[in-house]
C-alpha atoms as a PDB file:
ATOM      1  CA  PRO A   1     -43.076-134.026 -55.543  1.00  0.00           C
ATOM      2  CA  GLY A   2     -45.421-135.958 -58.310  1.00  0.00           C
ATOM      3  CA  LEU A   3     -47.761-133.059 -58.046  1.00  0.00           C
ATOM      4  CA  VAL A   4     -48.294-131.441 -61.017  1.00  0.00           C
ATOM      5  CA  GLY A   5     -50.152-127.767 -60.706  1.00  0.00           C
ATOM      6  CA  VAL A   6     -48.467-124.447 -59.886  1.00  0.00           C
ATOM      7  CA  LYS A   7     -45.284-123.801 -58.375  1.00  0.00           C
ATOM      8  CA  ARG A   8     -45.034-120.466 -56.451  1.00  0.00           C
ATOM      9  CA  THR A   9     -42.055-118.201 -55.314  1.00  0.00           C
ATOM     10  CA  LEU A  10     -41.832-115.410 -52.987  1.00  0.00           C
ATOM     11  CA  LEU A  11     -38.431-113.590 -52.133  1.00  0.00           C
ATOM     12  CA  PHE A  12     -38.247-111.184 -49.976  1.00  0.00           C
ATOM     13  CA  ARG A  13     -36.297-109.003 -46.905  1.00  0.00           C
ATOM     14  CA  VAL A  14     -37.048-108.447 -43.811  1.00  0.00           C
ATOM     15  CA  ARG A  15     -35.700-104.933 -43.013  1.00  0.00           C
ATOM     16  CA  ALA A  16     -32.562-105.102 -40.940  1.00  0.00           C
ATOM     17  CA  ASP A  17     -34.112-102.899 -37.897  1.00  0.00           C
ATOM     18  CA  THR A  18     -36.976-105.319 -37.356  1.00  0.00           C
ATOM     19  CA  PRO A  19     -36.174-107.091 -33.440  1.00  0.00           C
ATOM     20  CA  GLN A  20     -35.670-109.823 -33.099  1.00  0.00           C
ATOM     21  CA  ALA A  21     -39.254-111.325 -31.250  1.00  0.00           C
ATOM     22  CA  ALA A  22     -41.359-109.899 -34.358  1.00  0.00           C
ATOM     23  CA  LEU A  23     -39.344-111.611 -36.439  1.00  0.00           C
ATOM     24  CA  GLU A  24     -39.722-114.965 -35.057  1.00  0.00           C
ATOM     25  CA  ARG A  25     -43.280-114.424 -34.625  1.00  0.00           C
ATOM     26  CA  PHE A  26     -43.219-113.355 -37.931  1.00  0.00           C
ATOM     27  CA  GLU A  27     -41.527-116.841 -39.061  1.00  0.00           C
ATOM     28  CA  ARG A  28     -44.022-118.576 -37.023  1.00  0.00           C
ATOM     29  CA  ASP A  29     -46.535-117.357 -38.178  1.00  0.00           C
ATOM     30  CA  MET A  30     -45.635-117.890 -42.253  1.00  0.00           C
ATOM     31  CA  LEU A  31     -45.288-121.517 -40.825  1.00  0.00           C
ATOM     32  CA  ALA A  32     -48.376-121.770 -39.466  1.00  0.00           C
ATOM     33  CA  MET A  33     -49.875-120.700 -43.097  1.00  0.00           C
ATOM     34  CA  PRO A  34     -50.327-123.912 -44.783  1.00  0.00           C
ATOM     35  CA  PHE A  35     -52.439-125.946 -41.607  1.00  0.00           C
ATOM     36  CA  PHE A  36     -55.065-122.361 -42.647  1.00  0.00           C
ATOM     37  CA  VAL A  37     -54.856-122.661 -46.495  1.00  0.00           C
ATOM     38  CA  PRO A  38     -55.944-126.771 -47.735  1.00  0.00           C
ATOM     39  CA  ALA A  39     -55.023-125.210 -50.727  1.00  0.00           C
ATOM     40  CA  ILE A  40     -51.046-125.244 -50.485  1.00  0.00           C
ATOM     41  CA  ARG A  41     -50.206-128.977 -51.596  1.00  0.00           C
ATOM     42  CA  ASN A  42     -46.264-128.592 -51.049  1.00  0.00           C
ATOM     43  CA  TRP A  43     -44.685-125.881 -49.482  1.00  0.00           C
ATOM     44  CA  CYS A  44     -41.194-124.632 -47.971  1.00  0.00           C
ATOM     45  CA  PHE A  45     -39.975-121.331 -46.018  1.00  0.00           C
ATOM     46  CA  GLY A  46     -36.999-120.097 -44.575  1.00  0.00           C
ATOM     47  CA  ARG A  47     -33.831-118.225 -44.994  1.00  0.00           C
ATOM     48  CA  PRO A  48     -31.347-119.224 -47.740  1.00  0.00           C
ATOM     49  CA  ARG A  49     -28.209-120.368 -47.021  1.00  0.00           C
ATOM     50  CA  GLY A  50     -25.397-117.511 -47.042  1.00  0.00           C
ATOM     51  CA  ALA A  51     -28.012-114.511 -46.507  1.00  0.00           C
ATOM     52  CA  GLY A  52     -25.608-112.563 -44.731  1.00  0.00           C
ATOM     53  CA  SER A  53     -24.693-112.148 -48.386  1.00  0.00           C
ATOM     54  CA  ASN A  54     -28.181-112.142 -49.900  1.00  0.00           C
ATOM     55  CA  ARG A  55     -30.555-109.677 -51.171  1.00  0.00           C
ATOM     56  CA  TRP A  56     -33.192-111.596 -49.676  1.00  0.00           C
ATOM     57  CA  THR A  57     -33.864-112.767 -45.790  1.00  0.00           C
ATOM     58  CA  HIS A  58     -36.450-115.432 -46.577  1.00  0.00           C
ATOM     59  CA  ILE A  59     -37.729-117.758 -49.476  1.00  0.00           C
ATOM     60  CA  TRP A  60     -41.540-118.797 -49.470  1.00  0.00           C
ATOM     61  CA  GLU A  61     -42.309-121.517 -51.826  1.00  0.00           C
ATOM     62  CA  GLN A  62     -45.337-123.921 -52.243  1.00  0.00           C
ATOM     63  CA  GLU A  63     -47.214-125.962 -54.819  1.00  0.00           C
ATOM     64  CA  PHE A  64     -50.670-125.448 -55.708  1.00  0.00           C
ATOM     65  CA  GLU A  65     -52.584-128.401 -57.750  1.00  0.00           C
ATOM     66  CA  SER A  66     -54.170-125.443 -59.793  1.00  0.00           C
ATOM     67  CA  PRO A  67     -53.824-121.602 -60.414  1.00  0.00           C
ATOM     68  CA  ASP A  68     -57.256-121.455 -58.422  1.00  0.00           C
ATOM     69  CA  GLY A  69     -55.434-122.681 -55.293  1.00  0.00           C
ATOM     70  CA  LEU A  70     -53.419-119.990 -55.576  1.00  0.00           C
ATOM     71  CA  LEU A  71     -55.614-116.948 -56.993  1.00  0.00           C
ATOM     72  CA  ASN A  72     -58.654-118.347 -54.867  1.00  0.00           C
ATOM     73  CA  ASP A  73     -57.749-119.993 -51.926  1.00  0.00           C
ATOM     74  CA  TYR A  74     -54.447-118.943 -51.012  1.00  0.00           C
ATOM     75  CA  MET A  75     -54.682-115.382 -51.735  1.00  0.00           C
ATOM     76  CA  ALA A  76     -57.916-114.500 -50.656  1.00  0.00           C
ATOM     77  CA  SER A  77     -57.885-116.898 -47.512  1.00  0.00           C
ATOM     78  CA  PRO A  78     -58.807-115.236 -44.103  1.00  0.00           C
ATOM     79  CA  TYR A  79     -56.012-116.306 -43.143  1.00  0.00           C
ATOM     80  CA  HIS A  80     -53.368-114.465 -45.460  1.00  0.00           C
ATOM     81  CA  TRP A  81     -55.560-110.929 -45.320  1.00  0.00           C
ATOM     82  CA  GLY A  82     -56.558-111.180 -41.790  1.00  0.00           C
ATOM     83  CA  HIS A  83     -53.004-112.400 -40.289  1.00  0.00           C
ATOM     84  CA  ILE A  84     -49.983-112.427 -42.343  1.00  0.00           C
ATOM     85  CA  ASP A  85     -50.782-109.280 -44.788  1.00  0.00           C
ATOM     86  CA  ALA A  86     -49.832-107.008 -41.849  1.00  0.00           C
ATOM     87  CA  TRP A  87     -46.067-108.044 -41.761  1.00  0.00           C
ATOM     88  CA  TYR A  88     -46.129-107.457 -45.842  1.00  0.00           C
ATOM     89  CA  ASP A  89     -48.042-103.972 -45.896  1.00  0.00           C
ATOM     90  CA  PRO A  90     -46.163-100.741 -45.517  1.00  0.00           C
ATOM     91  CA  GLU A  91     -49.486 -98.848 -43.889  1.00  0.00           C
ATOM     92  CA  CYS A  92     -49.527-101.370 -40.852  1.00  0.00           C
ATOM     93  CA  PRO A  93     -47.098-100.334 -38.044  1.00  0.00           C
ATOM     94  CA  GLN A  94     -46.684-104.534 -38.100  1.00  0.00           C
ATOM     95  CA  SER A  95     -44.722-104.260 -41.399  1.00  0.00           C
ATOM     96  CA  ILE A  96     -41.398-105.992 -40.937  1.00  0.00           C
ATOM     97  CA  VAL A  97     -41.321-106.766 -44.925  1.00  0.00           C
ATOM     98  CA  ASP A  98     -38.937-104.445 -47.542  1.00  0.00           C
ATOM     99  CA  PRO A  99     -42.242-103.797 -49.886  1.00  0.00           C
ATOM    100  CA  ALA A 100     -39.599-104.672 -52.760  1.00  0.00           C
ATOM    101  CA  VAL A 101     -40.310-108.264 -53.328  1.00  0.00           C
ATOM    102  CA  ALA A 102     -39.777-111.026 -56.506  1.00  0.00           C
ATOM    103  CA  HIS A 103     -43.124-112.452 -56.586  1.00  0.00           C
ATOM    104  CA  VAL A 104     -43.069-115.218 -59.255  1.00  0.00           C
ATOM    105  CA  TYR A 105     -45.742-118.328 -60.219  1.00  0.00           C
ATOM    106  CA  CYS A 106     -45.997-120.882 -63.316  1.00  0.00           C
ATOM    107  CA  PRO A 107     -47.424-123.883 -64.682  1.00  0.00           C
ATOM    108  CA  GLU A 108     -45.207-127.171 -63.674  1.00  0.00           C
ATOM    109  CA  SER A 109     -45.132-130.592 -64.735  1.00  0.00           C
ATOM    110  CA  GLU A 110     -43.646-131.980 -62.035  1.00  0.00           C
ATOM    111  CA  GLY A 111     -43.312-131.361 -58.214  1.00  0.00           C
ATOM    112  CA  VAL A 112     -39.693-129.887 -57.244  1.00  0.00           C
ATOM    113  CA  LEU A 113     -40.536-129.403 -53.642  1.00  0.00           C
ATOM    114  CA  SER A 114     -39.649-131.947 -50.718  1.00  0.00           C
ATOM    115  CA  TRP A 115     -37.915-132.388 -47.469  1.00  0.00           C
ATOM    116  CA  SER A 116     -34.989-131.622 -48.430  1.00  0.00           C
ATOM    117  CA  SER A 117     -34.416-127.727 -49.569  1.00  0.00           C
ATOM    118  CA  SER A 118     -32.482-125.058 -50.148  1.00  0.00           C
ATOM    119  CA  VAL A 119     -33.380-123.405 -46.559  1.00  0.00           C
ATOM    120  CA  ALA A 120     -31.174-122.599 -43.714  1.00  0.00           C
ATOM    121  CA  LEU A 121     -34.401-122.480 -41.109  1.00  0.00           C
ATOM    122  CA  GLY A 122     -38.243-123.218 -41.481  1.00  0.00           C
ATOM    123  CA  GLY A 123     -39.846-126.187 -42.703  1.00  0.00           C
ATOM    124  CA  CYS A 124     -40.981-128.225 -45.759  1.00  0.00           C
ATOM    125  CA  ALA A 125     -43.983-130.200 -46.113  1.00  0.00           C
ATOM    126  CA  SER A 126     -45.236-132.593 -48.988  1.00  0.00           C
ATOM    127  CA  SER A 127     -49.028-133.591 -48.451  1.00  0.00           C
ATOM    128  CA  ASN A 128     -48.347-136.316 -50.985  1.00  0.00           C
END
């Protein structure tokens, strides 16, 4: 809270035929991303409550101080491209995420992410 910058949200669905062990590795990898991308200031990752009846199985939200933090530091991160992207890329054998995602980002006048969140699994953190 208190951050003014850019909020980014990614909504996605992990394919139903994904083995549990792969799902757990994927979730651990996603939870580690903020440690490799310092431009992520506040974040939440997890499953939405009521995910069984929801189109999306996961929500990944971040806040950045500037568009540069999202478009360069995050999107061009070696951890993102070298480790995370394979979970999403349908051409990679490791892929478990349906390619139909909702990816939105916009300017924000104040931070909205905090330790209290709408996700049932995962984590949230603030660097403020």
